[in-house]
Amino acid sequence: MTSAPDELVTLDIDDPVAVVTLRRPDKLNAFTHPMLRALEQAVADAADDRRVVGIVITAEGRGFSAGLDADALAAASAAASNGDGGDNTPPPSGDHRPGLFSYLLETPKPIIAAVNGVAAGGGFVLAAKCDLRFAAESASFVTVFSKRGLIAEHGLSYLLPRQVGLGDALDLLWSSRRLDAAEAKELGFAQRVVGDDDLLDAACGYVRALAAEVSPASLADTKRLLYAHAGTSIDTAFEEADMATYQALERPDATEGVASLLERRAPDFDRLGTR
């Protein structure tokens, strides 16, 4: 797919992978409000496409994202100080949860952040709300918020302690220190660290491996249950998992999974999507 010069976000689909690319490299892919809307639409389009098993979000240039564009941030801050969000407030997402990129948690397909450079502020939030983080060796992560007089925005107070532990989450949010790729992997924030030139191949390869062997419906159920059960009681989690198990057993995928094992062949599972 050829990208138009003025496109800030592009979607490229190569069955079974959708690659969503942030394309504002001269500004370290800092987000404008139109860019945020374009990103959400690209993810929605990929989720609806039956060819797509998993989604990779990455960026052009030397940065993943520096967060909200400085001009947009200044305008939002000024509007808030005046008690009027006005036109500077991004339009609400269709998702019921507040906060940037919360729709990613509701998207029923795996989403991998292929972090090619610095992920700061809102860029850190974007990476955190993806399901997995693959980091280039040169990548880094910075929460930033405390240095701007802000707090753990957009649900990070919920997500980050579950990803790295309470103490390390407090450290990263309090200090706003730079976390390199190796330490991000050590803390459990990044799941893979690969050479800069291998990043996109590694992320896309992971999706291709899933598509070759794993039920997309099982992926969706597992994602839903893990996010839902991160904050629920053990009894509720066990009951809901048990119910989901019986529902899965009634799907054609369960029959196909057993048949492929007995026949010693690759499974042919149904894809998810409306088109």
C-alpha atoms as a PDB file:
ATOM      1  CA  MET A   1       0.000   0.000   0.000  1.00  0.00           C
ATOM      2  CA  THR A   2       1.383   3.429  -0.948  1.00  0.00           C
ATOM      3  CA  SER A   3       0.986   6.125   1.704  1.00  0.00           C
ATOM      4  CA  ALA A   4      -0.127   9.624   0.816  1.00  0.00           C
ATOM      5  CA  PRO A   5       2.401  12.269   1.905  1.00  0.00           C
ATOM      6  CA  ASP A   6      -0.054  13.931   4.269  1.00  0.00           C
ATOM      7  CA  GLU A   7      -1.261  10.771   6.026  1.00  0.00           C
ATOM      8  CA  LEU A   8      -0.363  10.851   9.714  1.00  0.00           C
ATOM      9  CA  VAL A   9      -1.413   7.240  10.338  1.00  0.00           C
ATOM     10  CA  THR A  10      -1.402   4.406   7.816  1.00  0.00           C
ATOM     11  CA  LEU A  11      -2.857   0.911   7.844  1.00  0.00           C
ATOM     12  CA  ASP A  12      -1.197  -1.841   5.816  1.00  0.00           C
ATOM     13  CA  ILE A  13      -2.653  -5.358   5.797  1.00  0.00           C
ATOM     14  CA  ASP A  14      -0.650  -8.387   4.740  1.00  0.00           C
ATOM     15  CA  ASP A  15      -2.704 -11.413   5.824  1.00  0.00           C
ATOM     16  CA  PRO A  16      -2.652 -12.182   8.757  1.00  0.00           C
ATOM     17  CA  VAL A  17      -0.946  -8.994  10.022  1.00  0.00           C
ATOM     18  CA  ALA A  18      -2.150  -5.402  10.104  1.00  0.00           C
ATOM     19  CA  VAL A  19       0.593  -2.809  10.589  1.00  0.00           C
ATOM     20  CA  VAL A  20      -0.534   0.597  11.851  1.00  0.00           C
ATOM     21  CA  THR A  21       2.203   3.205  11.456  1.00  0.00           C
ATOM     22  CA  LEU A  22       2.468   6.634  13.058  1.00  0.00           C
ATOM     23  CA  ARG A  23       3.881   8.975  10.412  1.00  0.00           C
ATOM     24  CA  ARG A  24       4.976  12.273  11.891  1.00  0.00           C
ATOM     25  CA  PRO A  25       8.683  11.535  12.249  1.00  0.00           C
ATOM     26  CA  ASP A  26       9.854  15.175  12.180  1.00  0.00           C
ATOM     27  CA  LYS A  27       7.936  15.688  15.462  1.00  0.00           C
ATOM     28  CA  LEU A  28       8.885  12.309  16.970  1.00  0.00           C
ATOM     29  CA  ASN A  29       5.327  11.223  16.116  1.00  0.00           C
ATOM     30  CA  ALA A  30       3.805  13.541  18.711  1.00  0.00           C
ATOM     31  CA  PHE A  31       0.027  13.242  18.638  1.00  0.00           C
ATOM     32  CA  THR A  32      -2.334  15.828  17.253  1.00  0.00           C
ATOM     33  CA  HIS A  33      -6.060  15.356  17.764  1.00  0.00           C
ATOM     34  CA  PRO A  34      -6.645  14.363  14.099  1.00  0.00           C
ATOM     35  CA  MET A  35      -3.811  11.843  14.492  1.00  0.00           C
ATOM     36  CA  LEU A  36      -5.469  10.317  17.564  1.00  0.00           C
ATOM     37  CA  ARG A  37      -8.729   9.919  15.639  1.00  0.00           C
ATOM     38  CA  ALA A  38      -6.905   8.394  12.667  1.00  0.00           C
ATOM     39  CA  LEU A  39      -5.154   5.876  14.923  1.00  0.00           C
ATOM     40  CA  GLU A  40      -8.424   4.761  16.497  1.00  0.00           C
ATOM     41  CA  GLN A  41     -10.030   4.387  13.064  1.00  0.00           C
ATOM     42  CA  ALA A  42      -7.086   2.366  11.744  1.00  0.00           C
ATOM     43  CA  VAL A  43      -7.307  -0.054  14.672  1.00  0.00           C
ATOM     44  CA  ALA A  44     -11.082  -0.364  14.225  1.00  0.00           C
ATOM     45  CA  ASP A  45     -10.651  -1.099  10.511  1.00  0.00           C
ATOM     46  CA  ALA A  46      -8.054  -3.768  11.260  1.00  0.00           C
ATOM     47  CA  ALA A  47     -10.271  -5.342  13.911  1.00  0.00           C
ATOM     48  CA  ASP A  48     -13.166  -5.571  11.431  1.00  0.00           C
ATOM     49  CA  ASP A  49     -11.061  -7.173   8.698  1.00  0.00           C
ATOM     50  CA  ARG A  50     -11.242 -10.983   8.667  1.00  0.00           C
ATOM     51  CA  ARG A  51      -7.796 -11.222   7.144  1.00  0.00           C
ATOM     52  CA  VAL A  52      -6.273  -9.764  10.294  1.00  0.00           C
ATOM     53  CA  VAL A  53      -5.309 -12.009  13.207  1.00  0.00           C
ATOM     54  CA  GLY A  54      -3.109  -9.480  15.007  1.00  0.00           C
ATOM     55  CA  ILE A  55      -2.260  -5.774  14.866  1.00  0.00           C
ATOM     56  CA  VAL A  56       1.207  -4.220  15.115  1.00  0.00           C
ATOM     57  CA  ILE A  57       1.501  -0.534  16.008  1.00  0.00           C
ATOM     58  CA  THR A  58       4.803   1.110  15.137  1.00  0.00           C
ATOM     59  CA  ALA A  59       6.176   4.442  13.915  1.00  0.00           C
ATOM     60  CA  GLU A  60       8.424   6.085  11.373  1.00  0.00           C
ATOM     61  CA  GLY A  61      11.722   7.692  12.243  1.00  0.00           C
ATOM     62  CA  ARG A  62      13.705   7.591  15.470  1.00  0.00           C
ATOM     63  CA  GLY A  63      10.790   7.946  17.885  1.00  0.00           C
ATOM     64  CA  PHE A  64       7.750   5.811  18.692  1.00  0.00           C
ATOM     65  CA  SER A  65       5.871   8.824  20.045  1.00  0.00           C
ATOM     66  CA  ALA A  66       6.793  11.814  22.169  1.00  0.00           C
ATOM     67  CA  GLY A  67       3.212  12.043  23.440  1.00  0.00           C
ATOM     68  CA  LEU A  68       0.751  14.839  22.873  1.00  0.00           C
ATOM     69  CA  ASP A  69       2.009  17.590  20.599  1.00  0.00           C
ATOM     70  CA  ALA A  70       3.403  20.503  22.642  1.00  0.00           C
ATOM     71  CA  ASP A  71       1.060  23.049  21.049  1.00  0.00           C
ATOM     72  CA  ALA A  72      -1.968  20.837  21.697  1.00  0.00           C
ATOM     73  CA  LEU A  73      -0.814  20.203  25.268  1.00  0.00           C
ATOM     74  CA  ALA A  74      -0.342  23.922  25.910  1.00  0.00           C
ATOM     75  CA  ALA A  75      -3.772  24.691  24.485  1.00  0.00           C
ATOM     76  CA  ALA A  76      -5.407  21.982  26.588  1.00  0.00           C
ATOM     77  CA  SER A  77      -3.630  23.219  29.710  1.00  0.00           C
ATOM     78  CA  ALA A  78      -4.679  26.823  29.071  1.00  0.00           C
ATOM     79  CA  ALA A  79      -8.267  25.783  28.444  1.00  0.00           C
ATOM     80  CA  ALA A  80      -8.326  23.724  31.643  1.00  0.00           C
ATOM     81  CA  SER A  81      -6.900  26.673  33.617  1.00  0.00           C
ATOM     82  CA  ASN A  82      -9.741  28.808  32.280  1.00  0.00           C
ATOM     83  CA  GLY A  83     -12.259  26.160  33.249  1.00  0.00           C
ATOM     84  CA  ASP A  84     -13.199  25.517  29.645  1.00  0.00           C
ATOM     85  CA  GLY A  85     -12.071  22.466  27.675  1.00  0.00           C
ATOM     86  CA  GLY A  86     -13.480  24.050  24.518  1.00  0.00           C
ATOM     87  CA  ASP A  87     -12.308  22.670  21.209  1.00  0.00           C
ATOM     88  CA  ASN A  88      -8.972  21.616  22.710  1.00  0.00           C
ATOM     89  CA  THR A  89     -10.463  18.553  24.364  1.00  0.00           C
ATOM     90  CA  PRO A  90     -10.174  15.453  22.139  1.00  0.00           C
ATOM     91  CA  PRO A  91     -13.543  13.983  21.201  1.00  0.00           C
ATOM     92  CA  PRO A  92     -14.541  11.021  23.353  1.00  0.00           C
ATOM     93  CA  SER A  93     -13.762   7.571  22.062  1.00  0.00           C
ATOM     94  CA  GLY A  94     -16.564   5.173  21.266  1.00  0.00           C
ATOM     95  CA  ASP A  95     -15.181   2.987  24.041  1.00  0.00           C
ATOM     96  CA  HIS A  96     -16.907   3.296  27.408  1.00  0.00           C
ATOM     97  CA  ARG A  97     -13.657   3.618  29.349  1.00  0.00           C
ATOM     98  CA  PRO A  98     -12.110   7.090  29.598  1.00  0.00           C
ATOM     99  CA  GLY A  99      -8.508   7.838  28.741  1.00  0.00           C
ATOM    100  CA  LEU A 100      -6.360   7.741  25.634  1.00  0.00           C
ATOM    101  CA  PHE A 101      -6.163   4.425  23.783  1.00  0.00           C
ATOM    102  CA  SER A 102      -8.504   2.545  26.158  1.00  0.00           C
ATOM    103  CA  TYR A 103     -10.217   1.055  23.106  1.00  0.00           C
ATOM    104  CA  LEU A 104      -7.110  -1.080  22.570  1.00  0.00           C
ATOM    105  CA  LEU A 105      -7.980  -3.170  25.614  1.00  0.00           C
ATOM    106  CA  GLU A 106     -11.437  -3.847  24.151  1.00  0.00           C
ATOM    107  CA  THR A 107     -10.180  -4.753  20.670  1.00  0.00           C
ATOM    108  CA  PRO A 108     -10.606  -8.542  20.376  1.00  0.00           C
ATOM    109  CA  LYS A 109      -7.357  -9.101  18.491  1.00  0.00           C
ATOM    110  CA  PRO A 110      -3.790  -9.136  19.823  1.00  0.00           C
ATOM    111  CA  ILE A 111      -2.111  -5.725  19.590  1.00  0.00           C
ATOM    112  CA  ILE A 112       1.675  -5.478  19.686  1.00  0.00           C
ATOM    113  CA  ALA A 113       3.569  -2.232  20.120  1.00  0.00           C
ATOM    114  CA  ALA A 114       6.728  -2.379  17.997  1.00  0.00           C
ATOM    115  CA  VAL A 115       8.581   0.383  19.820  1.00  0.00           C
ATOM    116  CA  ASN A 116      11.276   1.739  17.514  1.00  0.00           C
ATOM    117  CA  GLY A 117      12.472   4.675  19.618  1.00  0.00           C
ATOM    118  CA  VAL A 118      11.460   6.834  22.543  1.00  0.00           C
ATOM    119  CA  ALA A 119       7.940   6.315  23.925  1.00  0.00           C
ATOM    120  CA  ALA A 120       7.257   9.278  26.201  1.00  0.00           C
ATOM    121  CA  GLY A 121       4.126  10.565  27.927  1.00  0.00           C
ATOM    122  CA  GLY A 122       1.215   9.660  25.705  1.00  0.00           C
ATOM    123  CA  GLY A 123       3.577   7.447  23.716  1.00  0.00           C
ATOM    124  CA  PHE A 124       4.277   5.521  26.919  1.00  0.00           C
ATOM    125  CA  VAL A 125       0.511   5.219  27.459  1.00  0.00           C
ATOM    126  CA  LEU A 126       0.059   3.869  23.933  1.00  0.00           C
ATOM    127  CA  ALA A 127       2.730   1.233  24.489  1.00  0.00           C
ATOM    128  CA  ALA A 128       1.290   0.308  27.899  1.00  0.00           C
ATOM    129  CA  LYS A 129      -2.200  -0.197  26.483  1.00  0.00           C
ATOM    130  CA  CYS A 130      -1.004  -2.540  23.759  1.00  0.00           C
ATOM    131  CA  ASP A 131      -1.105  -6.203  24.775  1.00  0.00           C
ATOM    132  CA  LEU A 132       2.593  -6.865  24.201  1.00  0.00           C
ATOM    133  CA  ARG A 133       5.611  -4.617  23.726  1.00  0.00           C
ATOM    134  CA  PHE A 134       8.440  -5.529  21.357  1.00  0.00           C
ATOM    135  CA  ALA A 135      11.284  -3.033  21.753  1.00  0.00           C
ATOM    136  CA  ALA A 136      14.168  -2.223  19.463  1.00  0.00           C
ATOM    137  CA  GLU A 137      17.524  -2.150  21.233  1.00  0.00           C
ATOM    138  CA  SER A 138      17.579   1.635  20.839  1.00  0.00           C
ATOM    139  CA  ALA A 139      14.058   2.098  22.249  1.00  0.00           C
ATOM    140  CA  SER A 140      13.373   3.839  25.540  1.00  0.00           C
ATOM    141  CA  PHE A 141      10.388   4.618  27.737  1.00  0.00           C
ATOM    142  CA  VAL A 142       9.643   7.732  29.830  1.00  0.00           C
ATOM    143  CA  THR A 143       6.440   8.416  31.766  1.00  0.00           C
ATOM    144  CA  VAL A 144       7.162  12.214  31.870  1.00  0.00           C
ATOM    145  CA  PHE A 145       3.992  13.187  33.750  1.00  0.00           C
ATOM    146  CA  SER A 146       5.515  14.153  37.112  1.00  0.00           C
ATOM    147  CA  LYS A 147       7.900  16.553  35.367  1.00  0.00           C
ATOM    148  CA  ARG A 148       4.935  18.337  33.817  1.00  0.00           C
ATOM    149  CA  GLY A 149       2.992  18.658  37.051  1.00  0.00           C
ATOM    150  CA  LEU A 150       0.671  15.843  35.962  1.00  0.00           C
ATOM    151  CA  ILE A 151      -0.128  12.393  37.361  1.00  0.00           C
ATOM    152  CA  ALA A 152      -0.384   8.771  36.225  1.00  0.00           C
ATOM    153  CA  GLU A 153      -2.725   9.593  33.386  1.00  0.00           C
ATOM    154  CA  HIS A 154      -5.153   7.539  31.328  1.00  0.00           C
ATOM    155  CA  GLY A 155      -5.329   4.490  33.597  1.00  0.00           C
ATOM    156  CA  LEU A 156      -1.594   3.966  34.150  1.00  0.00           C
ATOM    157  CA  SER A 157      -2.247   3.783  37.895  1.00  0.00           C
ATOM    158  CA  TYR A 158      -4.171   0.572  37.138  1.00  0.00           C
ATOM    159  CA  LEU A 159      -2.087  -0.913  34.325  1.00  0.00           C
ATOM    160  CA  LEU A 160       1.528  -0.188  35.216  1.00  0.00           C
ATOM    161  CA  PRO A 161       1.581  -1.849  38.687  1.00  0.00           C
ATOM    162  CA  ARG A 162       0.132  -4.974  37.092  1.00  0.00           C
ATOM    163  CA  GLN A 163       2.814  -4.909  34.403  1.00  0.00           C
ATOM    164  CA  VAL A 164       5.923  -4.202  36.489  1.00  0.00           C
ATOM    165  CA  GLY A 165       4.856  -4.338  40.165  1.00  0.00           C
ATOM    166  CA  LEU A 166       3.861  -1.569  42.557  1.00  0.00           C
ATOM    167  CA  GLY A 167       7.340  -0.423  43.591  1.00  0.00           C
ATOM    168  CA  ASP A 168       8.722  -0.171  40.086  1.00  0.00           C
ATOM    169  CA  ALA A 169       5.536   1.517  38.884  1.00  0.00           C
ATOM    170  CA  LEU A 170       5.912   4.175  41.591  1.00  0.00           C
ATOM    171  CA  ASP A 171       9.573   4.632  40.685  1.00  0.00           C
ATOM    172  CA  LEU A 172       8.852   5.109  36.982  1.00  0.00           C
ATOM    173  CA  LEU A 173       5.930   7.462  37.611  1.00  0.00           C
ATOM    174  CA  TRP A 174       7.610   9.474  40.398  1.00  0.00           C
ATOM    175  CA  SER A 175      11.034   9.898  38.838  1.00  0.00           C
ATOM    176  CA  SER A 176      10.015  10.075  35.169  1.00  0.00           C
ATOM    177  CA  ARG A 177      13.434   8.556  34.494  1.00  0.00           C
ATOM    178  CA  ARG A 178      14.326   7.067  31.146  1.00  0.00           C
ATOM    179  CA  LEU A 179      13.927   3.308  30.936  1.00  0.00           C
ATOM    180  CA  ASP A 180      16.042   1.661  28.247  1.00  0.00           C
ATOM    181  CA  ALA A 181      14.927  -1.426  26.344  1.00  0.00           C
ATOM    182  CA  ALA A 182      17.026  -3.860  28.357  1.00  0.00           C
ATOM    183  CA  GLU A 183      15.647  -2.663  31.695  1.00  0.00           C
ATOM    184  CA  ALA A 184      12.113  -2.579  30.280  1.00  0.00           C
ATOM    185  CA  LYS A 185      12.543  -6.276  29.457  1.00  0.00           C
ATOM    186  CA  GLU A 186      14.019  -7.004  32.888  1.00  0.00           C
ATOM    187  CA  LEU A 187      11.051  -5.337  34.618  1.00  0.00           C
ATOM    188  CA  GLY A 188       8.547  -7.177  32.425  1.00  0.00           C
ATOM    189  CA  PHE A 189       7.262  -4.107  30.617  1.00  0.00           C
ATOM    190  CA  ALA A 190       8.764  -5.239  27.296  1.00  0.00           C
ATOM    191  CA  GLN A 191       8.280  -8.851  26.229  1.00  0.00           C
ATOM    192  CA  ARG A 192      10.969  -8.860  23.523  1.00  0.00           C
ATOM    193  CA  VAL A 193      14.085  -6.817  22.767  1.00  0.00           C
ATOM    194  CA  VAL A 194      15.466  -7.204  19.247  1.00  0.00           C
ATOM    195  CA  GLY A 195      17.886  -5.446  16.931  1.00  0.00           C
ATOM    196  CA  ASP A 196      16.598  -2.200  15.463  1.00  0.00           C
ATOM    197  CA  ASP A 197      16.481  -3.637  11.952  1.00  0.00           C
ATOM    198  CA  ASP A 198      14.644  -6.767  13.123  1.00  0.00           C
ATOM    199  CA  LEU A 199      11.850  -5.073  15.069  1.00  0.00           C
ATOM    200  CA  LEU A 200       9.009  -5.121  12.568  1.00  0.00           C
ATOM    201  CA  ASP A 201       9.860  -8.610  11.337  1.00  0.00           C
ATOM    202  CA  ALA A 202       9.834  -9.892  14.922  1.00  0.00           C
ATOM    203  CA  ALA A 203       6.455  -8.346  15.741  1.00  0.00           C
ATOM    204  CA  CYS A 204       4.847  -9.447  12.484  1.00  0.00           C
ATOM    205  CA  GLY A 205       6.435 -12.890  12.812  1.00  0.00           C
ATOM    206  CA  TYR A 206       4.814 -13.311  16.200  1.00  0.00           C
ATOM    207  CA  VAL A 207       1.387 -12.645  14.681  1.00  0.00           C
ATOM    208  CA  ARG A 208       2.090 -15.017  11.801  1.00  0.00           C
ATOM    209  CA  ALA A 209       3.024 -17.760  14.263  1.00  0.00           C
ATOM    210  CA  LEU A 210      -0.244 -17.221  16.140  1.00  0.00           C
ATOM    211  CA  ALA A 211      -2.238 -17.304  12.910  1.00  0.00           C
ATOM    212  CA  ALA A 212      -0.662 -20.605  11.898  1.00  0.00           C
ATOM    213  CA  GLU A 213      -1.602 -22.480  15.043  1.00  0.00           C
ATOM    214  CA  VAL A 214      -3.979 -20.622  17.356  1.00  0.00           C
ATOM    215  CA  SER A 215      -7.732 -19.991  17.302  1.00  0.00           C
ATOM    216  CA  PRO A 216      -8.523 -16.259  16.896  1.00  0.00           C
ATOM    217  CA  ALA A 217     -11.609 -16.756  19.044  1.00  0.00           C
ATOM    218  CA  SER A 218      -9.427 -18.255  21.777  1.00  0.00           C
ATOM    219  CA  LEU A 219      -7.092 -15.272  21.542  1.00  0.00           C
ATOM    220  CA  ALA A 220     -10.025 -12.897  21.950  1.00  0.00           C
ATOM    221  CA  ASP A 221     -11.493 -14.778  24.913  1.00  0.00           C
ATOM    222  CA  THR A 222      -8.141 -14.994  26.663  1.00  0.00           C
ATOM    223  CA  LYS A 223      -7.500 -11.267  26.229  1.00  0.00           C
ATOM    224  CA  ARG A 224     -10.972 -10.402  27.510  1.00  0.00           C
ATOM    225  CA  LEU A 225     -10.683 -12.634  30.558  1.00  0.00           C
ATOM    226  CA  LEU A 226      -7.207 -11.517  31.566  1.00  0.00           C
ATOM    227  CA  TYR A 227      -8.086  -7.817  31.488  1.00  0.00           C
ATOM    228  CA  ALA A 228     -11.418  -8.399  33.214  1.00  0.00           C
ATOM    229  CA  HIS A 229      -9.919 -10.576  35.939  1.00  0.00           C
ATOM    230  CA  ALA A 230      -7.017  -8.269  36.770  1.00  0.00           C
ATOM    231  CA  GLY A 231      -9.260  -6.494  39.259  1.00  0.00           C
ATOM    232  CA  THR A 232     -11.929  -9.007  40.227  1.00  0.00           C
ATOM    233  CA  SER A 233     -12.309 -11.612  42.962  1.00  0.00           C
ATOM    234  CA  ILE A 234     -10.930 -15.124  42.618  1.00  0.00           C
ATOM    235  CA  ASP A 235     -14.423 -16.634  42.789  1.00  0.00           C
ATOM    236  CA  THR A 236     -15.747 -14.387  40.015  1.00  0.00           C
ATOM    237  CA  ALA A 237     -12.693 -15.091  37.865  1.00  0.00           C
ATOM    238  CA  PHE A 238     -13.003 -18.860  38.267  1.00  0.00           C
ATOM    239  CA  GLU A 239     -16.722 -18.828  37.521  1.00  0.00           C
ATOM    240  CA  GLU A 240     -16.348 -16.666  34.414  1.00  0.00           C
ATOM    241  CA  ALA A 241     -13.415 -18.727  33.137  1.00  0.00           C
ATOM    242  CA  ASP A 242     -15.407 -21.920  33.645  1.00  0.00           C
ATOM    243  CA  MET A 243     -18.345 -20.479  31.697  1.00  0.00           C
ATOM    244  CA  ALA A 244     -16.052 -19.318  28.892  1.00  0.00           C
ATOM    245  CA  THR A 245     -14.500 -22.793  28.725  1.00  0.00           C
ATOM    246  CA  TYR A 246     -17.861 -24.472  28.150  1.00  0.00           C
ATOM    247  CA  GLN A 247     -18.764 -21.871  25.536  1.00  0.00           C
ATOM    248  CA  ALA A 248     -15.469 -22.516  23.748  1.00  0.00           C
ATOM    249  CA  LEU A 249     -16.122 -26.250  23.719  1.00  0.00           C
ATOM    250  CA  GLU A 250     -19.313 -25.621  21.747  1.00  0.00           C
ATOM    251  CA  ARG A 251     -17.535 -23.669  18.997  1.00  0.00           C
ATOM    252  CA  PRO A 252     -16.369 -25.238  15.725  1.00  0.00           C
ATOM    253  CA  ASP A 253     -12.813 -24.254  16.673  1.00  0.00           C
ATOM    254  CA  ALA A 254     -12.786 -26.880  19.434  1.00  0.00           C
ATOM    255  CA  THR A 255     -13.711 -29.608  16.947  1.00  0.00           C
ATOM    256  CA  GLU A 256     -11.149 -28.342  14.461  1.00  0.00           C
ATOM    257  CA  GLY A 257      -8.440 -28.187  17.119  1.00  0.00           C
ATOM    258  CA  VAL A 258      -8.911 -31.846  18.025  1.00  0.00           C
ATOM    259  CA  ALA A 259      -9.191 -32.920  14.375  1.00  0.00           C
ATOM    260  CA  SER A 260      -5.966 -31.154  13.416  1.00  0.00           C
ATOM    261  CA  LEU A 261      -4.164 -32.871  16.290  1.00  0.00           C
ATOM    262  CA  LEU A 262      -5.417 -36.325  15.351  1.00  0.00           C
ATOM    263  CA  GLU A 263      -4.746 -35.766  11.645  1.00  0.00           C
ATOM    264  CA  ARG A 264      -1.338 -34.219  12.318  1.00  0.00           C
ATOM    265  CA  ARG A 265      -1.965 -31.096  10.271  1.00  0.00           C
ATOM    266  CA  ALA A 266      -2.147 -27.373  10.800  1.00  0.00           C
ATOM    267  CA  PRO A 267      -5.541 -26.194  12.110  1.00  0.00           C
ATOM    268  CA  ASP A 268      -7.895 -24.126   9.958  1.00  0.00           C
ATOM    269  CA  PHE A 269      -9.665 -21.840  12.414  1.00  0.00           C
ATOM    270  CA  ASP A 270     -12.300 -19.250  11.585  1.00  0.00           C
ATOM    271  CA  ARG A 271     -11.124 -15.620  11.525  1.00  0.00           C
ATOM    272  CA  LEU A 272     -12.758 -12.755  13.390  1.00  0.00           C
ATOM    273  CA  GLY A 273     -14.211  -9.691  11.686  1.00  0.00           C
ATOM    274  CA  THR A 274     -17.253  -8.339   9.924  1.00  0.00           C
ATOM    275  CA  ARG A 275     -15.760  -7.901   6.461  1.00  0.00           C
END
